[in-house]
């Protein structure tokens, strides 16, 4: 039969008042460092820009898990990777600019836009995301007809009022979505057989 051991511990504590006071002096304080001269940007402006830092982080989130994912990466050559990153940064700037322009226009007109949220068409917002704006232009029905030596195309349906509103907010002419065209018909089979 095993014997049980009983241990007794004693502990004493003592307050280190100087260390506590030094720590309390720093509570609630943050240190901000900038290389911008005080004449160019005041302390209040610096704080405002720092507090808007989440907007930059949101852009990087689009690269990590959003609509512009960098990974998985299927290319290996450094030049191609650099080229892909340049294209993704340009796309990010376009998305950011779209949001800025639409939000500015909505703020100036003191209005909100509804119909962007799937399943909740009445929900209105003054700060729509570029992804929600672009989602309204998915799957535009384009009819392409072949008549003799010509190929013609046109939109089957007109743009919806919501689509027209988005284009107006973006200051994009609606004629951009007039996809009607007439082109000479290209026989791809002849081109491929000639190339072979």
C-alpha atoms as a PDB file:
ATOM      1  CA  UNK A   1       0.000   0.000   0.000  1.00  0.00           C
ATOM      2  CA  UNK A   2       1.380   3.373  -1.025  1.00  0.00           C
ATOM      3  CA  UNK A   3       1.742   6.143   1.511  1.00  0.00           C
ATOM      4  CA  UNK A   4       0.170   9.442   0.671  1.00  0.00           C
ATOM      5  CA  UNK A   5       2.327  12.533   0.887  1.00  0.00           C
ATOM      6  CA  UNK A   6       0.881  15.790   2.075  1.00  0.00           C
ATOM      7  CA  UNK A   7       2.638  18.983   1.033  1.00  0.00           C
ATOM      8  CA  UNK A   8       2.027  22.421   2.394  1.00  0.00           C
ATOM      9  CA  UNK A   9       3.030  25.554   0.505  1.00  0.00           C
ATOM     10  CA  UNK A  10       3.126  29.125   1.700  1.00  0.00           C
ATOM     11  CA  UNK A  11       3.204  32.172  -0.512  1.00  0.00           C
ATOM     12  CA  UNK A  12       3.756  35.822   0.271  1.00  0.00           C
ATOM     13  CA  UNK A  13       3.197  38.762  -2.087  1.00  0.00           C
ATOM     14  CA  UNK A  14       4.341  42.307  -1.904  1.00  0.00           C
ATOM     15  CA  UNK A  15       3.284  45.239  -4.056  1.00  0.00           C
ATOM     16  CA  UNK A  16       6.008  46.942  -6.082  1.00  0.00           C
ATOM     17  CA  UNK A  17       4.447  50.401  -6.041  1.00  0.00           C
ATOM     18  CA  UNK A  18       6.933  52.055  -8.414  1.00  0.00           C
ATOM     19  CA  UNK A  19       6.420  49.405 -11.127  1.00  0.00           C
ATOM     20  CA  UNK A  20       2.636  49.594 -10.708  1.00  0.00           C
ATOM     21  CA  UNK A  21       2.674  53.399 -11.006  1.00  0.00           C
ATOM     22  CA  UNK A  22       4.895  53.252 -14.108  1.00  0.00           C
ATOM     23  CA  UNK A  23       2.514  50.732 -15.739  1.00  0.00           C
ATOM     24  CA  UNK A  24      -0.552  52.808 -14.834  1.00  0.00           C
ATOM     25  CA  UNK A  25       1.026  55.889 -16.412  1.00  0.00           C
ATOM     26  CA  UNK A  26       1.104  54.057 -19.754  1.00  0.00           C
ATOM     27  CA  UNK A  27      -2.436  52.639 -19.585  1.00  0.00           C
ATOM     28  CA  UNK A  28      -4.632  53.994 -22.375  1.00  0.00           C
ATOM     29  CA  UNK A  29      -1.698  55.511 -24.231  1.00  0.00           C
ATOM     30  CA  UNK A  30      -0.509  54.565 -27.688  1.00  0.00           C
ATOM     31  CA  UNK A  31       2.603  55.652 -29.487  1.00  0.00           C
ATOM     32  CA  UNK A  32       2.220  56.742 -33.114  1.00  0.00           C
ATOM     33  CA  UNK A  33       5.225  57.384 -35.307  1.00  0.00           C
ATOM     34  CA  UNK A  34       5.176  59.084 -38.693  1.00  0.00           C
ATOM     35  CA  UNK A  35       7.773  60.542 -41.007  1.00  0.00           C
ATOM     36  CA  UNK A  36       5.366  63.270 -42.186  1.00  0.00           C
ATOM     37  CA  UNK A  37       6.259  66.779 -41.092  1.00  0.00           C
ATOM     38  CA  UNK A  38       3.911  68.502 -38.629  1.00  0.00           C
ATOM     39  CA  UNK A  39       3.298  71.330 -41.150  1.00  0.00           C
ATOM     40  CA  UNK A  40       1.981  68.785 -43.631  1.00  0.00           C
ATOM     41  CA  UNK A  41      -0.264  66.793 -41.307  1.00  0.00           C
ATOM     42  CA  UNK A  42      -1.532  67.602 -37.838  1.00  0.00           C
ATOM     43  CA  UNK A  43      -1.774  65.080 -34.999  1.00  0.00           C
ATOM     44  CA  UNK A  44      -5.558  64.894 -35.432  1.00  0.00           C
ATOM     45  CA  UNK A  45      -5.206  64.176 -39.155  1.00  0.00           C
ATOM     46  CA  UNK A  46      -2.597  61.499 -38.455  1.00  0.00           C
ATOM     47  CA  UNK A  47      -4.948  59.800 -36.007  1.00  0.00           C
ATOM     48  CA  UNK A  48      -7.778  59.914 -38.528  1.00  0.00           C
ATOM     49  CA  UNK A  49      -5.635  58.250 -41.196  1.00  0.00           C
ATOM     50  CA  UNK A  50      -4.437  55.639 -38.727  1.00  0.00           C
ATOM     51  CA  UNK A  51      -7.986  54.794 -37.687  1.00  0.00           C
ATOM     52  CA  UNK A  52      -8.905  54.320 -41.358  1.00  0.00           C
ATOM     53  CA  UNK A  53      -6.149  51.718 -41.665  1.00  0.00           C
ATOM     54  CA  UNK A  54      -8.770  48.948 -41.774  1.00  0.00           C
ATOM     55  CA  UNK A  55      -9.631  50.010 -45.327  1.00  0.00           C
ATOM     56  CA  UNK A  56      -6.117  49.061 -46.434  1.00  0.00           C
ATOM     57  CA  UNK A  57      -6.333  45.791 -44.516  1.00  0.00           C
ATOM     58  CA  UNK A  58      -9.631  45.069 -46.274  1.00  0.00           C
ATOM     59  CA  UNK A  59      -7.811  45.230 -49.586  1.00  0.00           C
ATOM     60  CA  UNK A  60      -5.331  42.614 -48.423  1.00  0.00           C
ATOM     61  CA  UNK A  61      -8.245  40.459 -47.233  1.00  0.00           C
ATOM     62  CA  UNK A  62      -9.493  40.459 -50.834  1.00  0.00           C
ATOM     63  CA  UNK A  63      -6.138  38.960 -51.824  1.00  0.00           C
ATOM     64  CA  UNK A  64      -6.240  36.340 -49.059  1.00  0.00           C
ATOM     65  CA  UNK A  65      -9.839  35.109 -49.107  1.00  0.00           C
ATOM     66  CA  UNK A  66     -11.885  37.550 -51.135  1.00  0.00           C
ATOM     67  CA  UNK A  67     -12.726  38.054 -54.788  1.00  0.00           C
ATOM     68  CA  UNK A  68      -9.070  38.482 -55.874  1.00  0.00           C
ATOM     69  CA  UNK A  69      -7.417  35.411 -54.342  1.00  0.00           C
ATOM     70  CA  UNK A  70      -3.684  35.111 -54.829  1.00  0.00           C
ATOM     71  CA  UNK A  71      -3.590  31.480 -53.701  1.00  0.00           C
ATOM     72  CA  UNK A  72      -3.519  28.799 -54.969  1.00  0.00           C
ATOM     73  CA  UNK A  73      -0.750  29.898 -57.306  1.00  0.00           C
ATOM     74  CA  UNK A  74      -0.184  27.658 -60.313  1.00  0.00           C
ATOM     75  CA  UNK A  75       2.635  29.609 -61.938  1.00  0.00           C
ATOM     76  CA  UNK A  76       6.298  29.269 -61.032  1.00  0.00           C
ATOM     77  CA  UNK A  77       8.277  31.787 -63.081  1.00  0.00           C
ATOM     78  CA  UNK A  78       9.092  34.952 -61.073  1.00  0.00           C
ATOM     79  CA  UNK A  79       8.229  37.225 -64.032  1.00  0.00           C
ATOM     80  CA  UNK A  80       4.777  35.672 -64.320  1.00  0.00           C
ATOM     81  CA  UNK A  81       4.175  35.915 -60.577  1.00  0.00           C
ATOM     82  CA  UNK A  82       5.112  39.616 -60.675  1.00  0.00           C
ATOM     83  CA  UNK A  83       2.827  40.139 -63.664  1.00  0.00           C
ATOM     84  CA  UNK A  84      -0.069  38.414 -61.896  1.00  0.00           C
ATOM     85  CA  UNK A  85       0.435  40.552 -58.795  1.00  0.00           C
ATOM     86  CA  UNK A  86       0.467  43.749 -60.893  1.00  0.00           C
ATOM     87  CA  UNK A  87      -2.839  42.712 -62.508  1.00  0.00           C
ATOM     88  CA  UNK A  88      -4.361  41.867 -59.119  1.00  0.00           C
ATOM     89  CA  UNK A  89      -3.277  45.250 -57.695  1.00  0.00           C
ATOM     90  CA  UNK A  90      -4.851  47.027 -60.680  1.00  0.00           C
ATOM     91  CA  UNK A  91      -8.071  45.048 -60.118  1.00  0.00           C
ATOM     92  CA  UNK A  92      -7.978  45.993 -56.427  1.00  0.00           C
ATOM     93  CA  UNK A  93      -7.620  49.670 -57.335  1.00  0.00           C
ATOM     94  CA  UNK A  94     -10.613  49.399 -59.679  1.00  0.00           C
ATOM     95  CA  UNK A  95     -12.754  47.819 -56.941  1.00  0.00           C
ATOM     96  CA  UNK A  96     -11.671  50.456 -54.414  1.00  0.00           C
ATOM     97  CA  UNK A  97     -12.360  53.281 -56.862  1.00  0.00           C
ATOM     98  CA  UNK A  98     -15.816  51.877 -57.651  1.00  0.00           C
ATOM     99  CA  UNK A  99     -16.722  51.813 -53.965  1.00  0.00           C
ATOM    100  CA  UNK A 100     -15.357  55.319 -53.413  1.00  0.00           C
ATOM    101  CA  UNK A 101     -17.274  56.848 -56.336  1.00  0.00           C
ATOM    102  CA  UNK A 102     -20.601  55.154 -55.527  1.00  0.00           C
ATOM    103  CA  UNK A 103     -20.388  55.940 -51.803  1.00  0.00           C
ATOM    104  CA  UNK A 104     -19.470  59.562 -52.517  1.00  0.00           C
ATOM    105  CA  UNK A 105     -22.428  59.968 -54.893  1.00  0.00           C
ATOM    106  CA  UNK A 106     -24.825  58.373 -52.410  1.00  0.00           C
ATOM    107  CA  UNK A 107     -23.535  60.639 -49.609  1.00  0.00           C
ATOM    108  CA  UNK A 108     -23.834  63.778 -51.750  1.00  0.00           C
ATOM    109  CA  UNK A 109     -27.415  62.883 -52.701  1.00  0.00           C
ATOM    110  CA  UNK A 110     -28.213  61.720 -49.129  1.00  0.00           C
ATOM    111  CA  UNK A 111     -29.656  58.457 -50.396  1.00  0.00           C
ATOM    112  CA  UNK A 112     -29.217  54.709 -50.101  1.00  0.00           C
ATOM    113  CA  UNK A 113     -29.341  51.937 -52.653  1.00  0.00           C
ATOM    114  CA  UNK A 114     -31.485  48.817 -52.223  1.00  0.00           C
ATOM    115  CA  UNK A 115     -31.639  45.484 -54.023  1.00  0.00           C
ATOM    116  CA  UNK A 116     -28.007  44.446 -53.634  1.00  0.00           C
ATOM    117  CA  UNK A 117     -28.475  41.833 -50.906  1.00  0.00           C
ATOM    118  CA  UNK A 118     -29.678  38.428 -52.137  1.00  0.00           C
ATOM    119  CA  UNK A 119     -32.826  37.360 -50.319  1.00  0.00           C
ATOM    120  CA  UNK A 120     -33.425  40.846 -48.899  1.00  0.00           C
ATOM    121  CA  UNK A 121     -34.242  43.195 -51.796  1.00  0.00           C
ATOM    122  CA  UNK A 122     -35.557  45.960 -49.520  1.00  0.00           C
ATOM    123  CA  UNK A 123     -32.369  46.296 -47.473  1.00  0.00           C
ATOM    124  CA  UNK A 124     -30.762  49.633 -48.371  1.00  0.00           C
ATOM    125  CA  UNK A 125     -27.212  50.800 -47.762  1.00  0.00           C
ATOM    126  CA  UNK A 126     -25.185  53.939 -48.321  1.00  0.00           C
ATOM    127  CA  UNK A 127     -21.919  51.948 -48.315  1.00  0.00           C
ATOM    128  CA  UNK A 128     -22.247  49.174 -50.907  1.00  0.00           C
ATOM    129  CA  UNK A 129     -19.278  46.962 -51.713  1.00  0.00           C
ATOM    130  CA  UNK A 130     -17.864  46.646 -55.221  1.00  0.00           C
ATOM    131  CA  UNK A 131     -18.588  42.908 -55.163  1.00  0.00           C
ATOM    132  CA  UNK A 132     -22.298  43.528 -54.533  1.00  0.00           C
ATOM    133  CA  UNK A 133     -22.408  46.184 -57.255  1.00  0.00           C
ATOM    134  CA  UNK A 134     -20.731  43.923 -59.821  1.00  0.00           C
ATOM    135  CA  UNK A 135     -22.947  40.960 -58.902  1.00  0.00           C
ATOM    136  CA  UNK A 136     -25.867  42.807 -60.501  1.00  0.00           C
ATOM    137  CA  UNK A 137     -24.217  42.525 -63.917  1.00  0.00           C
ATOM    138  CA  UNK A 138     -23.669  38.759 -63.927  1.00  0.00           C
ATOM    139  CA  UNK A 139     -25.134  36.659 -66.702  1.00  0.00           C
ATOM    140  CA  UNK A 140     -26.401  39.373 -69.016  1.00  0.00           C
ATOM    141  CA  UNK A 141     -28.314  37.442 -71.721  1.00  0.00           C
ATOM    142  CA  UNK A 142     -26.629  38.101 -75.082  1.00  0.00           C
ATOM    143  CA  UNK A 143     -28.241  36.605 -78.197  1.00  0.00           C
ATOM    144  CA  UNK A 144     -25.865  35.827 -81.081  1.00  0.00           C
ATOM    145  CA  UNK A 145     -27.347  34.981 -84.475  1.00  0.00           C
ATOM    146  CA  UNK A 146     -25.672  33.798 -87.641  1.00  0.00           C
ATOM    147  CA  UNK A 147     -27.322  35.006 -90.845  1.00  0.00           C
ATOM    148  CA  UNK A 148     -25.511  34.033 -93.988  1.00  0.00           C
ATOM    149  CA  UNK A 149     -22.081  35.674 -93.882  1.00  0.00           C
ATOM    150  CA  UNK A 150     -22.945  37.922 -90.898  1.00  0.00           C
ATOM    151  CA  UNK A 151     -22.953  37.456 -87.153  1.00  0.00           C
ATOM    152  CA  UNK A 152     -25.188  39.762 -85.099  1.00  0.00           C
ATOM    153  CA  UNK A 153     -25.498  40.126 -81.340  1.00  0.00           C
ATOM    154  CA  UNK A 154     -27.785  41.992 -78.979  1.00  0.00           C
ATOM    155  CA  UNK A 155     -28.894  41.989 -75.357  1.00  0.00           C
ATOM    156  CA  UNK A 156     -32.099  40.037 -74.943  1.00  0.00           C
ATOM    157  CA  UNK A 157     -33.315  42.089 -71.970  1.00  0.00           C
ATOM    158  CA  UNK A 158     -32.956  45.746 -71.131  1.00  0.00           C
ATOM    159  CA  UNK A 159     -30.910  46.799 -68.137  1.00  0.00           C
ATOM    160  CA  UNK A 160     -32.908  46.742 -64.917  1.00  0.00           C
ATOM    161  CA  UNK A 161     -33.566  49.993 -63.010  1.00  0.00           C
ATOM    162  CA  UNK A 162     -31.032  48.866 -60.388  1.00  0.00           C
ATOM    163  CA  UNK A 163     -28.366  48.291 -63.051  1.00  0.00           C
ATOM    164  CA  UNK A 164     -29.111  51.706 -64.568  1.00  0.00           C
ATOM    165  CA  UNK A 165     -28.866  53.306 -61.106  1.00  0.00           C
ATOM    166  CA  UNK A 166     -25.468  51.690 -60.468  1.00  0.00           C
ATOM    167  CA  UNK A 167     -24.141  52.919 -63.827  1.00  0.00           C
ATOM    168  CA  UNK A 168     -25.435  56.427 -63.055  1.00  0.00           C
ATOM    169  CA  UNK A 169     -23.715  56.413 -59.654  1.00  0.00           C
ATOM    170  CA  UNK A 170     -20.486  55.231 -61.288  1.00  0.00           C
ATOM    171  CA  UNK A 171     -20.866  57.926 -63.986  1.00  0.00           C
ATOM    172  CA  UNK A 172     -20.584  55.217 -66.628  1.00  0.00           C
ATOM    173  CA  UNK A 173     -22.664  55.828 -69.784  1.00  0.00           C
ATOM    174  CA  UNK A 174     -25.394  53.246 -70.247  1.00  0.00           C
ATOM    175  CA  UNK A 175     -24.406  52.951 -73.915  1.00  0.00           C
ATOM    176  CA  UNK A 176     -21.465  50.902 -72.657  1.00  0.00           C
ATOM    177  CA  UNK A 177     -23.919  48.023 -72.223  1.00  0.00           C
ATOM    178  CA  UNK A 178     -25.373  48.414 -75.701  1.00  0.00           C
ATOM    179  CA  UNK A 179     -23.761  45.209 -76.853  1.00  0.00           C
ATOM    180  CA  UNK A 180     -25.446  45.170 -80.268  1.00  0.00           C
ATOM    181  CA  UNK A 181     -23.059  44.386 -83.085  1.00  0.00           C
ATOM    182  CA  UNK A 182     -22.909  43.075 -86.639  1.00  0.00           C
ATOM    183  CA  UNK A 183     -19.699  41.443 -87.787  1.00  0.00           C
ATOM    184  CA  UNK A 184     -18.652  39.322 -90.746  1.00  0.00           C
ATOM    185  CA  UNK A 185     -18.942  35.670 -89.814  1.00  0.00           C
ATOM    186  CA  UNK A 186     -15.629  33.974 -89.080  1.00  0.00           C
ATOM    187  CA  UNK A 187     -15.408  30.322 -89.996  1.00  0.00           C
ATOM    188  CA  UNK A 188     -13.050  28.958 -87.345  1.00  0.00           C
ATOM    189  CA  UNK A 189     -12.941  25.504 -88.911  1.00  0.00           C
ATOM    190  CA  UNK A 190     -11.418  26.932 -92.120  1.00  0.00           C
ATOM    191  CA  UNK A 191      -8.801  28.886 -90.156  1.00  0.00           C
ATOM    192  CA  UNK A 192      -7.766  25.839 -88.155  1.00  0.00           C
ATOM    193  CA  UNK A 193      -7.525  23.617 -91.174  1.00  0.00           C
ATOM    194  CA  UNK A 194      -5.453  26.240 -92.988  1.00  0.00           C
ATOM    195  CA  UNK A 195      -3.137  26.579 -90.009  1.00  0.00           C
ATOM    196  CA  UNK A 196      -2.693  22.821 -89.746  1.00  0.00           C
END
